[in-house]
N, C-alpha and C. Protein backbone atom coordinates (compact mmCIF):
# COMPACT_ATOMS: atom_id res chain seq x y z
N MET A 1 0.85 -1.18 0.00
CA MET A 1 0.00 0.00 0.00
C MET A 1 0.89 1.25 0.00
N PRO A 2 0.63 2.18 -0.93
CA PRO A 2 1.49 3.37 -1.00
C PRO A 2 1.31 4.30 0.20
N TRP A 3 2.35 5.04 0.47
CA TRP A 3 2.38 6.07 1.51
C TRP A 3 2.16 5.53 2.92
N GLU A 4 2.63 4.32 3.16
CA GLU A 4 2.57 3.81 4.53
C GLU A 4 3.52 4.63 5.40
N GLN A 5 3.10 4.91 6.61
CA GLN A 5 3.88 5.69 7.58
C GLN A 5 4.29 7.04 7.01
N ILE A 6 3.38 7.66 6.28
CA ILE A 6 3.70 8.96 5.66
C ILE A 6 4.01 10.03 6.71
N GLU A 7 3.33 9.96 7.86
CA GLU A 7 3.59 10.97 8.89
C GLU A 7 5.04 10.94 9.34
N ASN A 8 5.60 9.73 9.52
CA ASN A 8 7.00 9.61 9.93
C ASN A 8 7.94 10.10 8.84
N ARG A 9 7.60 9.84 7.60
CA ARG A 9 8.45 10.26 6.49
C ARG A 9 8.48 11.78 6.36
N LEU A 10 7.32 12.40 6.52
CA LEU A 10 7.26 13.86 6.43
C LEU A 10 8.03 14.51 7.57
N ALA A 11 7.98 13.90 8.74
CA ALA A 11 8.66 14.47 9.91
C ALA A 11 10.17 14.46 9.75
N LYS A 12 10.72 13.57 8.93
CA LYS A 12 12.18 13.47 8.77
C LYS A 12 12.78 14.74 8.18
N ALA A 13 11.99 15.53 7.48
CA ALA A 13 12.50 16.75 6.86
C ALA A 13 12.65 17.88 7.88
N PHE A 14 12.32 17.63 9.15
CA PHE A 14 12.39 18.64 10.22
C PHE A 14 13.30 18.12 11.33
N PRO A 15 14.61 18.03 11.06
CA PRO A 15 15.50 17.42 12.04
C PRO A 15 15.92 18.33 13.19
N VAL A 16 15.75 19.64 13.02
CA VAL A 16 16.17 20.57 14.08
C VAL A 16 15.06 20.65 15.12
N ARG A 17 15.41 20.38 16.34
CA ARG A 17 14.41 20.30 17.42
C ARG A 17 14.76 21.34 18.49
N ILE A 18 13.80 22.22 18.80
CA ILE A 18 14.01 23.24 19.83
C ILE A 18 12.92 23.07 20.88
N GLU A 19 13.33 22.72 22.08
CA GLU A 19 12.36 22.48 23.14
C GLU A 19 12.16 23.74 23.96
N SER A 20 10.94 23.90 24.46
CA SER A 20 10.59 25.01 25.33
C SER A 20 9.64 24.48 26.39
N PRO A 21 9.31 25.28 27.39
CA PRO A 21 8.35 24.81 28.40
C PRO A 21 6.99 24.44 27.80
N GLY A 22 6.62 25.08 26.69
CA GLY A 22 5.31 24.82 26.10
C GLY A 22 5.26 23.67 25.13
N GLY A 23 6.41 23.17 24.69
CA GLY A 23 6.42 22.10 23.71
C GLY A 23 7.68 22.15 22.87
N VAL A 24 7.56 21.76 21.60
CA VAL A 24 8.71 21.65 20.72
C VAL A 24 8.43 22.34 19.39
N VAL A 25 9.43 23.05 18.89
CA VAL A 25 9.41 23.59 17.53
C VAL A 25 10.40 22.77 16.72
N PHE A 26 9.97 22.30 15.55
CA PHE A 26 10.82 21.54 14.65
C PHE A 26 11.07 22.40 13.41
N LEU A 27 12.31 22.41 12.93
CA LEU A 27 12.68 23.21 11.76
C LEU A 27 13.29 22.33 10.69
N PRO A 28 13.09 22.69 9.43
CA PRO A 28 13.79 21.97 8.36
C PRO A 28 15.26 22.35 8.36
N SER A 29 16.10 21.48 7.83
CA SER A 29 17.53 21.75 7.82
C SER A 29 17.91 22.72 6.71
N SER A 30 17.02 22.93 5.74
CA SER A 30 17.27 23.87 4.65
C SER A 30 15.91 24.36 4.14
N ARG A 31 15.94 25.27 3.18
CA ARG A 31 14.69 25.77 2.62
C ARG A 31 13.88 24.61 2.07
N LEU A 32 12.58 24.69 2.27
CA LEU A 32 11.74 23.55 1.92
C LEU A 32 10.36 24.02 1.52
N ASP A 33 9.95 23.68 0.27
CA ASP A 33 8.57 23.93 -0.11
C ASP A 33 7.86 22.58 -0.19
N ILE A 34 6.55 22.60 -0.39
CA ILE A 34 5.81 21.34 -0.31
C ILE A 34 6.15 20.39 -1.45
N ASP A 35 6.56 20.91 -2.61
CA ASP A 35 6.96 20.04 -3.70
C ASP A 35 8.18 19.20 -3.31
N GLU A 36 9.19 19.86 -2.80
CA GLU A 36 10.41 19.16 -2.36
C GLU A 36 10.10 18.22 -1.20
N TRP A 37 9.25 18.68 -0.30
CA TRP A 37 8.90 17.90 0.89
C TRP A 37 8.29 16.55 0.50
N LEU A 38 7.30 16.60 -0.38
CA LEU A 38 6.61 15.36 -0.76
C LEU A 38 7.47 14.49 -1.67
N THR A 39 8.21 15.11 -2.57
CA THR A 39 9.07 14.32 -3.46
C THR A 39 10.12 13.57 -2.65
N SER A 40 10.68 14.23 -1.64
CA SER A 40 11.70 13.56 -0.83
C SER A 40 11.10 12.45 0.04
N ALA A 41 9.81 12.54 0.35
CA ALA A 41 9.16 11.53 1.18
C ALA A 41 8.72 10.31 0.36
N ALA A 42 8.56 10.48 -0.94
CA ALA A 42 8.11 9.37 -1.79
C ALA A 42 9.21 8.31 -1.89
N GLU A 43 8.80 7.04 -1.81
CA GLU A 43 9.77 5.95 -1.84
C GLU A 43 9.62 5.04 -3.05
N THR A 44 8.52 5.15 -3.77
CA THR A 44 8.30 4.27 -4.92
C THR A 44 7.80 5.10 -6.11
N ASP A 45 7.88 4.49 -7.29
CA ASP A 45 7.35 5.14 -8.49
C ASP A 45 5.85 5.34 -8.38
N GLU A 46 5.17 4.40 -7.75
CA GLU A 46 3.72 4.52 -7.56
C GLU A 46 3.39 5.76 -6.72
N GLU A 47 4.16 6.00 -5.69
CA GLU A 47 3.93 7.18 -4.86
C GLU A 47 4.22 8.47 -5.63
N LEU A 48 5.27 8.46 -6.43
CA LEU A 48 5.57 9.63 -7.24
C LEU A 48 4.45 9.93 -8.23
N LEU A 49 3.84 8.88 -8.78
CA LEU A 49 2.72 9.07 -9.70
C LEU A 49 1.53 9.73 -9.01
N GLU A 50 1.33 9.42 -7.74
CA GLU A 50 0.23 10.03 -6.99
C GLU A 50 0.45 11.53 -6.78
N LEU A 51 1.68 11.97 -6.96
CA LEU A 51 1.99 13.39 -6.79
C LEU A 51 1.77 14.19 -8.09
N ASP A 52 1.15 13.57 -9.08
CA ASP A 52 0.86 14.29 -10.33
C ASP A 52 -0.21 15.35 -10.15
N ILE A 53 -1.00 15.24 -9.10
CA ILE A 53 -1.98 16.29 -8.80
C ILE A 53 -1.25 17.43 -8.08
N PRO A 54 -1.85 18.62 -7.99
CA PRO A 54 -1.18 19.68 -7.22
C PRO A 54 -0.83 19.18 -5.81
N ARG A 55 0.38 19.49 -5.39
CA ARG A 55 0.86 18.95 -4.11
C ARG A 55 0.00 19.40 -2.93
N ILE A 56 -0.49 20.63 -3.01
CA ILE A 56 -1.34 21.11 -1.91
C ILE A 56 -2.62 20.29 -1.83
N GLN A 57 -3.13 19.87 -2.99
CA GLN A 57 -4.34 19.04 -3.01
C GLN A 57 -4.05 17.66 -2.42
N PHE A 58 -2.87 17.12 -2.71
CA PHE A 58 -2.47 15.83 -2.14
C PHE A 58 -2.51 15.90 -0.62
N LEU A 59 -1.99 17.00 -0.06
CA LEU A 59 -1.99 17.16 1.39
C LEU A 59 -3.40 17.38 1.93
N GLN A 60 -4.19 18.20 1.24
CA GLN A 60 -5.55 18.48 1.71
C GLN A 60 -6.44 17.25 1.70
N ASN A 61 -6.14 16.31 0.83
CA ASN A 61 -6.92 15.07 0.78
C ASN A 61 -6.70 14.21 2.02
N ARG A 62 -5.66 14.52 2.78
CA ARG A 62 -5.31 13.69 3.94
C ARG A 62 -5.49 14.40 5.28
N TRP A 63 -5.22 15.71 5.32
CA TRP A 63 -5.23 16.41 6.60
C TRP A 63 -5.97 17.73 6.52
N GLY A 64 -6.38 18.21 7.67
CA GLY A 64 -7.08 19.49 7.76
C GLY A 64 -6.12 20.67 7.71
N PHE A 65 -6.53 21.71 7.01
CA PHE A 65 -5.78 22.96 6.92
C PHE A 65 -6.59 24.07 7.56
N GLU A 66 -5.90 25.01 8.17
CA GLU A 66 -6.58 26.20 8.66
C GLU A 66 -5.65 27.40 8.56
N LYS A 67 -6.25 28.53 8.18
CA LYS A 67 -5.48 29.77 8.12
C LYS A 67 -5.34 30.31 9.53
N LEU A 68 -4.12 30.71 9.90
CA LEU A 68 -3.87 31.28 11.22
C LEU A 68 -3.80 32.80 11.16
N VAL A 69 -3.01 33.32 10.21
CA VAL A 69 -2.77 34.76 10.14
C VAL A 69 -2.64 35.16 8.67
N GLN A 70 -3.14 36.35 8.36
CA GLN A 70 -2.93 36.94 7.04
C GLN A 70 -2.14 38.22 7.19
N PHE A 71 -1.13 38.39 6.34
CA PHE A 71 -0.28 39.57 6.37
C PHE A 71 -0.47 40.32 5.05
N ASP A 72 -0.80 41.60 5.13
CA ASP A 72 -0.89 42.44 3.94
C ASP A 72 0.27 43.42 3.95
N LEU A 73 1.00 43.47 2.85
CA LEU A 73 2.11 44.39 2.75
C LEU A 73 1.64 45.76 2.31
N GLU A 74 2.47 46.77 2.50
CA GLU A 74 2.08 48.14 2.18
C GLU A 74 1.80 48.33 0.70
N LYS A 75 2.68 47.82 -0.15
CA LYS A 75 2.50 48.00 -1.58
C LYS A 75 1.44 47.02 -2.08
N ARG A 76 0.40 47.54 -2.68
CA ARG A 76 -0.68 46.70 -3.18
C ARG A 76 -0.30 46.14 -4.54
N THR A 77 0.20 44.94 -4.55
CA THR A 77 0.55 44.25 -5.78
C THR A 77 -0.11 42.88 -5.75
N PRO A 78 -0.06 42.14 -6.85
CA PRO A 78 -0.63 40.79 -6.82
C PRO A 78 0.03 39.88 -5.79
N TYR A 79 1.23 40.26 -5.33
CA TYR A 79 1.96 39.42 -4.38
C TYR A 79 2.02 40.03 -2.98
N SER A 80 1.10 40.91 -2.67
CA SER A 80 1.20 41.67 -1.43
C SER A 80 0.53 40.99 -0.24
N ARG A 81 -0.11 39.87 -0.45
CA ARG A 81 -0.77 39.17 0.65
C ARG A 81 -0.08 37.85 0.92
N ARG A 82 0.23 37.62 2.17
CA ARG A 82 0.84 36.36 2.58
C ARG A 82 0.04 35.79 3.74
N SER A 83 -0.08 34.50 3.76
CA SER A 83 -0.87 33.85 4.81
C SER A 83 -0.09 32.71 5.43
N LEU A 84 -0.27 32.56 6.73
CA LEU A 84 0.33 31.44 7.46
C LEU A 84 -0.77 30.42 7.73
N PHE A 85 -0.52 29.20 7.25
CA PHE A 85 -1.47 28.10 7.43
C PHE A 85 -0.89 27.04 8.33
N ALA A 86 -1.79 26.31 8.98
CA ALA A 86 -1.39 25.13 9.75
C ALA A 86 -1.99 23.90 9.07
N MET A 87 -1.17 22.90 8.86
CA MET A 87 -1.65 21.59 8.43
C MET A 87 -1.56 20.69 9.64
N ASN A 88 -2.69 20.25 10.14
CA ASN A 88 -2.74 19.52 11.40
C ASN A 88 -2.64 18.02 11.18
N VAL A 89 -1.57 17.44 11.72
CA VAL A 89 -1.32 16.01 11.61
C VAL A 89 -1.20 15.47 13.04
N GLY A 90 -2.27 14.94 13.56
CA GLY A 90 -2.27 14.50 14.95
C GLY A 90 -2.08 15.69 15.87
N ASP A 91 -1.11 15.57 16.79
CA ASP A 91 -0.85 16.65 17.75
C ASP A 91 0.17 17.65 17.21
N ARG A 92 0.63 17.44 15.98
CA ARG A 92 1.62 18.33 15.38
C ARG A 92 0.97 19.19 14.31
N ALA A 93 1.41 20.43 14.20
CA ALA A 93 0.97 21.31 13.12
C ALA A 93 2.18 21.70 12.30
N TYR A 94 2.10 21.51 10.99
CA TYR A 94 3.12 21.99 10.07
C TYR A 94 2.69 23.37 9.61
N LEU A 95 3.52 24.36 9.85
CA LEU A 95 3.18 25.74 9.52
C LEU A 95 3.83 26.12 8.20
N MET A 96 3.00 26.59 7.29
CA MET A 96 3.51 26.96 5.97
C MET A 96 3.03 28.34 5.59
N LEU A 97 3.90 29.05 4.93
CA LEU A 97 3.60 30.41 4.49
C LEU A 97 3.37 30.38 2.99
N THR A 98 2.26 30.96 2.57
CA THR A 98 2.01 31.09 1.15
C THR A 98 2.01 32.56 0.78
N GLY A 99 2.71 32.84 -0.29
CA GLY A 99 2.67 34.16 -0.88
C GLY A 99 2.45 33.98 -2.35
N GLY A 100 1.87 32.86 -2.73
CA GLY A 100 1.65 32.58 -4.13
C GLY A 100 1.55 31.10 -4.41
N LEU A 101 2.09 30.69 -5.54
CA LEU A 101 1.95 29.31 -5.95
C LEU A 101 2.77 28.35 -5.10
N GLN A 102 3.83 28.84 -4.47
CA GLN A 102 4.62 27.98 -3.62
C GLN A 102 4.15 28.08 -2.18
N TYR A 103 4.24 26.96 -1.51
CA TYR A 103 3.90 26.90 -0.09
C TYR A 103 5.18 26.51 0.63
N GLN A 104 5.72 27.45 1.38
CA GLN A 104 7.00 27.27 2.03
C GLN A 104 6.80 26.73 3.44
N LEU A 105 7.45 25.62 3.76
CA LEU A 105 7.39 25.05 5.09
C LEU A 105 8.27 25.88 6.01
N ILE A 106 7.69 26.37 7.08
CA ILE A 106 8.42 27.24 8.01
C ILE A 106 8.88 26.45 9.23
N ALA A 107 7.97 25.72 9.82
CA ALA A 107 8.28 24.99 11.05
C ALA A 107 7.15 24.01 11.33
N ALA A 108 7.38 23.16 12.30
CA ALA A 108 6.32 22.32 12.85
C ALA A 108 6.31 22.58 14.35
N VAL A 109 5.13 22.56 14.93
CA VAL A 109 5.02 22.77 16.37
C VAL A 109 4.23 21.62 16.99
N GLU A 110 4.62 21.26 18.18
CA GLU A 110 3.93 20.19 18.91
C GLU A 110 3.99 20.48 20.40
N PRO A 111 2.87 20.62 21.06
CA PRO A 111 1.51 20.41 20.55
C PRO A 111 1.03 21.58 19.69
N ARG A 112 0.12 21.29 18.81
CA ARG A 112 -0.35 22.30 17.86
C ARG A 112 -1.26 23.34 18.49
N THR A 113 -1.68 23.10 19.72
CA THR A 113 -2.59 24.03 20.39
C THR A 113 -1.87 24.98 21.35
N GLU A 114 -0.53 24.96 21.34
CA GLU A 114 0.24 25.79 22.28
C GLU A 114 0.51 27.16 21.66
N PRO A 115 -0.13 28.22 22.18
CA PRO A 115 0.03 29.55 21.59
C PRO A 115 1.46 30.06 21.55
N SER A 116 2.27 29.78 22.57
CA SER A 116 3.63 30.33 22.60
C SER A 116 4.47 29.81 21.44
N LEU A 117 4.23 28.59 21.00
CA LEU A 117 4.98 28.03 19.88
C LEU A 117 4.61 28.70 18.57
N VAL A 118 3.32 28.90 18.36
CA VAL A 118 2.85 29.54 17.13
C VAL A 118 3.32 30.99 17.09
N ARG A 119 3.25 31.67 18.22
CA ARG A 119 3.70 33.06 18.28
C ARG A 119 5.20 33.18 18.00
N ALA A 120 5.97 32.22 18.47
CA ALA A 120 7.41 32.24 18.20
C ALA A 120 7.69 32.10 16.72
N VAL A 121 6.94 31.25 16.04
CA VAL A 121 7.11 31.09 14.60
C VAL A 121 6.77 32.39 13.88
N ILE A 122 5.68 33.03 14.30
CA ILE A 122 5.28 34.28 13.66
C ILE A 122 6.32 35.37 13.91
N SER A 123 6.85 35.41 15.11
CA SER A 123 7.88 36.39 15.41
C SER A 123 9.10 36.19 14.52
N ARG A 124 9.48 34.95 14.33
CA ARG A 124 10.62 34.65 13.45
C ARG A 124 10.33 35.15 12.03
N LEU A 125 9.13 34.91 11.55
CA LEU A 125 8.76 35.37 10.21
C LEU A 125 8.86 36.88 10.09
N LEU A 126 8.29 37.57 11.06
CA LEU A 126 8.27 39.03 11.00
C LEU A 126 9.66 39.63 11.11
N ASN A 127 10.57 38.93 11.75
CA ASN A 127 11.93 39.42 11.91
C ASN A 127 12.86 38.99 10.79
N ASP A 128 12.37 38.19 9.87
CA ASP A 128 13.20 37.67 8.78
C ASP A 128 12.97 38.50 7.52
N ARG A 129 14.00 39.22 7.09
CA ARG A 129 13.87 40.13 5.94
C ARG A 129 13.70 39.39 4.63
N GLU A 130 14.01 38.10 4.60
CA GLU A 130 13.77 37.34 3.38
C GLU A 130 12.28 37.08 3.20
N TYR A 131 11.59 36.87 4.30
CA TYR A 131 10.14 36.69 4.24
C TYR A 131 9.42 38.03 4.16
N PHE A 132 9.86 38.97 4.99
CA PHE A 132 9.22 40.28 5.05
C PHE A 132 10.28 41.37 4.94
N PRO A 133 10.58 41.81 3.70
CA PRO A 133 11.56 42.89 3.54
C PRO A 133 11.15 44.16 4.29
N ALA A 134 9.83 44.37 4.39
CA ALA A 134 9.28 45.47 5.18
C ALA A 134 8.18 44.89 6.06
N PRO A 135 7.94 45.47 7.21
CA PRO A 135 6.88 44.96 8.08
C PRO A 135 5.53 45.03 7.38
N PRO A 136 4.64 44.08 7.66
CA PRO A 136 3.32 44.13 7.03
C PRO A 136 2.54 45.36 7.48
N ASN A 137 1.73 45.86 6.56
CA ASN A 137 0.90 47.02 6.86
C ASN A 137 -0.31 46.62 7.69
N LEU A 138 -0.81 45.43 7.46
CA LEU A 138 -2.01 44.96 8.14
C LEU A 138 -1.83 43.50 8.50
N VAL A 139 -2.19 43.15 9.71
CA VAL A 139 -2.12 41.77 10.17
C VAL A 139 -3.51 41.37 10.65
N ARG A 140 -4.02 40.28 10.10
CA ARG A 140 -5.34 39.79 10.51
C ARG A 140 -5.19 38.37 11.04
N THR A 141 -5.55 38.18 12.28
CA THR A 141 -5.46 36.84 12.85
C THR A 141 -6.82 36.16 12.72
N VAL A 142 -6.76 34.88 12.41
CA VAL A 142 -7.97 34.08 12.28
C VAL A 142 -8.16 33.23 13.54
N ARG A 143 -7.08 32.58 13.98
CA ARG A 143 -7.13 31.77 15.19
C ARG A 143 -6.67 32.60 16.38
N ARG A 144 -7.58 33.39 16.92
CA ARG A 144 -7.22 34.30 18.01
C ARG A 144 -6.89 33.56 19.30
N ASP A 145 -7.31 32.31 19.41
CA ASP A 145 -6.94 31.54 20.59
C ASP A 145 -5.45 31.17 20.57
N LEU A 146 -4.87 31.11 19.37
CA LEU A 146 -3.45 30.81 19.23
C LEU A 146 -2.60 32.05 19.05
N VAL A 147 -3.15 33.05 18.37
CA VAL A 147 -2.39 34.25 18.03
C VAL A 147 -3.25 35.48 18.34
N ALA A 148 -2.94 36.16 19.41
CA ALA A 148 -3.71 37.35 19.78
C ALA A 148 -3.39 38.50 18.82
N ASP A 149 -4.42 39.18 18.34
CA ASP A 149 -4.25 40.31 17.42
C ASP A 149 -3.25 41.32 17.95
N ARG A 150 -3.43 41.74 19.19
CA ARG A 150 -2.62 42.83 19.72
C ARG A 150 -1.15 42.45 19.81
N VAL A 151 -0.86 41.17 20.08
CA VAL A 151 0.53 40.74 20.20
C VAL A 151 1.24 40.84 18.86
N VAL A 152 0.60 40.31 17.80
CA VAL A 152 1.23 40.33 16.48
C VAL A 152 1.30 41.75 15.95
N ARG A 153 0.25 42.54 16.18
CA ARG A 153 0.27 43.92 15.70
C ARG A 153 1.33 44.75 16.41
N THR A 154 1.54 44.48 17.69
CA THR A 154 2.60 45.18 18.43
C THR A 154 3.95 44.83 17.85
N GLU A 155 4.15 43.55 17.56
CA GLU A 155 5.41 43.11 16.95
C GLU A 155 5.64 43.80 15.62
N ALA A 156 4.62 43.84 14.77
CA ALA A 156 4.75 44.48 13.45
C ALA A 156 5.01 45.97 13.60
N ALA A 157 4.36 46.61 14.57
CA ALA A 157 4.55 48.04 14.78
C ALA A 157 5.96 48.34 15.25
N GLU A 158 6.52 47.49 16.12
CA GLU A 158 7.89 47.68 16.58
C GLU A 158 8.87 47.56 15.43
N LEU A 159 8.61 46.63 14.53
CA LEU A 159 9.48 46.48 13.37
C LEU A 159 9.41 47.72 12.48
N LYS A 160 8.22 48.29 12.33
CA LYS A 160 8.05 49.48 11.48
C LYS A 160 8.81 50.66 12.04
N THR A 161 8.78 50.82 13.36
CA THR A 161 9.43 51.98 13.97
C THR A 161 10.92 51.74 14.21
N GLY A 162 11.36 50.51 13.94
CA GLY A 162 12.78 50.21 14.11
C GLY A 162 13.17 49.92 15.53
N GLU A 163 12.20 49.74 16.41
CA GLU A 163 12.53 49.41 17.79
C GLU A 163 13.00 47.96 17.85
N SER A 164 14.12 47.75 18.48
CA SER A 164 14.62 46.40 18.61
C SER A 164 14.86 46.12 20.09
N GLY A 165 15.07 44.85 20.37
CA GLY A 165 15.39 44.48 21.74
C GLY A 165 14.18 44.05 22.55
N HIS A 166 12.97 44.29 22.06
CA HIS A 166 11.82 43.78 22.80
C HIS A 166 10.76 43.27 21.83
N HIS A 167 11.22 42.49 20.86
CA HIS A 167 10.30 41.84 19.95
C HIS A 167 9.64 40.66 20.65
N LEU A 168 8.62 40.14 20.03
CA LEU A 168 7.85 39.04 20.60
C LEU A 168 8.73 37.85 20.96
N SER A 169 9.70 37.54 20.10
CA SER A 169 10.55 36.39 20.38
C SER A 169 11.31 36.57 21.68
N GLU A 170 11.70 37.80 21.99
CA GLU A 170 12.43 38.05 23.22
C GLU A 170 11.48 38.12 24.42
N LYS A 171 10.27 38.65 24.19
CA LYS A 171 9.34 38.81 25.28
C LYS A 171 8.71 37.50 25.71
N LEU A 172 8.44 36.62 24.74
CA LEU A 172 7.71 35.41 25.06
C LEU A 172 8.60 34.21 25.37
N ILE A 173 9.66 34.04 24.57
CA ILE A 173 10.42 32.80 24.69
C ILE A 173 11.90 33.09 24.62
N GLY A 174 12.61 32.86 25.70
CA GLY A 174 14.04 33.13 25.71
C GLY A 174 14.85 32.18 24.86
N TRP A 175 14.30 31.02 24.52
CA TRP A 175 15.03 30.02 23.77
C TRP A 175 15.02 30.27 22.27
N ILE A 176 14.41 31.33 21.80
CA ILE A 176 14.25 31.53 20.36
C ILE A 176 15.53 31.99 19.68
N GLY A 177 16.48 32.54 20.41
CA GLY A 177 17.69 33.13 19.83
C GLY A 177 18.37 32.29 18.77
N PRO A 178 18.77 31.04 19.06
CA PRO A 178 19.46 30.23 18.04
C PRO A 178 18.59 29.98 16.81
N TRP A 179 17.29 29.97 17.01
CA TRP A 179 16.38 29.66 15.91
C TRP A 179 16.39 30.75 14.85
N LEU A 180 16.68 31.98 15.25
CA LEU A 180 16.67 33.08 14.30
C LEU A 180 17.73 32.91 13.22
N GLU A 181 18.69 32.04 13.45
CA GLU A 181 19.72 31.79 12.45
C GLU A 181 19.37 30.63 11.53
N ALA A 182 18.21 30.01 11.74
CA ALA A 182 17.83 28.85 10.93
C ALA A 182 17.52 29.26 9.50
N PRO A 183 17.58 28.33 8.55
CA PRO A 183 17.36 28.66 7.15
C PRO A 183 15.97 29.23 6.91
N ALA A 184 15.87 30.10 5.93
CA ALA A 184 14.60 30.73 5.56
C ALA A 184 14.24 30.32 4.15
N GLY A 185 13.04 30.74 3.71
CA GLY A 185 12.59 30.35 2.38
C GLY A 185 11.98 31.48 1.61
N THR A 186 11.56 31.17 0.40
CA THR A 186 10.98 32.19 -0.48
C THR A 186 9.73 31.66 -1.15
N TRP A 187 9.03 32.54 -1.84
CA TRP A 187 7.83 32.18 -2.60
C TRP A 187 7.71 33.15 -3.75
N HIS A 188 6.70 32.93 -4.63
CA HIS A 188 6.65 33.72 -5.84
C HIS A 188 5.35 34.45 -6.14
N GLN A 189 4.20 33.84 -5.89
CA GLN A 189 2.94 34.49 -6.25
C GLN A 189 1.98 34.44 -5.08
N ASP A 190 0.89 35.21 -5.20
CA ASP A 190 -0.09 35.30 -4.13
C ASP A 190 -1.31 34.48 -4.45
N GLU A 191 -1.59 33.50 -3.60
CA GLU A 191 -2.80 32.71 -3.79
C GLU A 191 -3.01 31.91 -2.51
N ASP A 192 -4.13 32.13 -1.85
CA ASP A 192 -4.40 31.41 -0.61
C ASP A 192 -4.79 29.97 -0.91
N VAL A 193 -4.45 29.10 0.02
CA VAL A 193 -4.86 27.72 -0.10
C VAL A 193 -6.28 27.59 0.46
N PRO A 194 -7.15 26.85 -0.20
CA PRO A 194 -8.50 26.66 0.35
C PRO A 194 -8.42 25.93 1.68
N THR A 195 -9.23 26.33 2.62
CA THR A 195 -9.17 25.70 3.93
C THR A 195 -10.17 24.56 4.00
N ARG A 196 -9.85 23.62 4.89
CA ARG A 196 -10.74 22.51 5.16
C ARG A 196 -10.76 22.32 6.65
N ALA A 197 -11.87 21.94 7.19
CA ALA A 197 -11.98 21.80 8.64
C ALA A 197 -10.99 20.79 9.15
N ALA A 198 -10.42 21.09 10.33
CA ALA A 198 -9.43 20.18 10.94
C ALA A 198 -10.11 18.92 11.40
């Protein structure tokens, strides 16, 4: 049967483990989009053939997706909206950022219901100039139980004014420092992934 133990295979692409009082953040060892992620997890020609459909659809057929946060950049272009999604696999959530046709894997968090872990990932995104060359103009949170509006907006406002030294990563989690040096990723176009109930 194809794709046996797929959860274990997908987890192998996140070898960096950062523990905190609230749980664990897992990071990929290098830049990773969903195409590379699934191709590297496939073990047979039959499995590769199943990837002929859009990769995001392959994932949606198996697990629930939910939008966590939407970021709007100041310049209104076709690529000015970026969204952070969670793909929920058991107690783990794989967090991916979409700014178009590519879906970039950012991190995995476990447990997926721990707000401090999700906030740390968002803080890393906002502080990474490869993801956000300029702070977002507007931040809209969807899962307010995981990501409080005021916390993310405060972080974005601090980045806009150039205030450093008291970003969310420093305020919430002291262990985030080494993580800020982890590899980052890119994307190309703006298109949200359709959500499906978890």
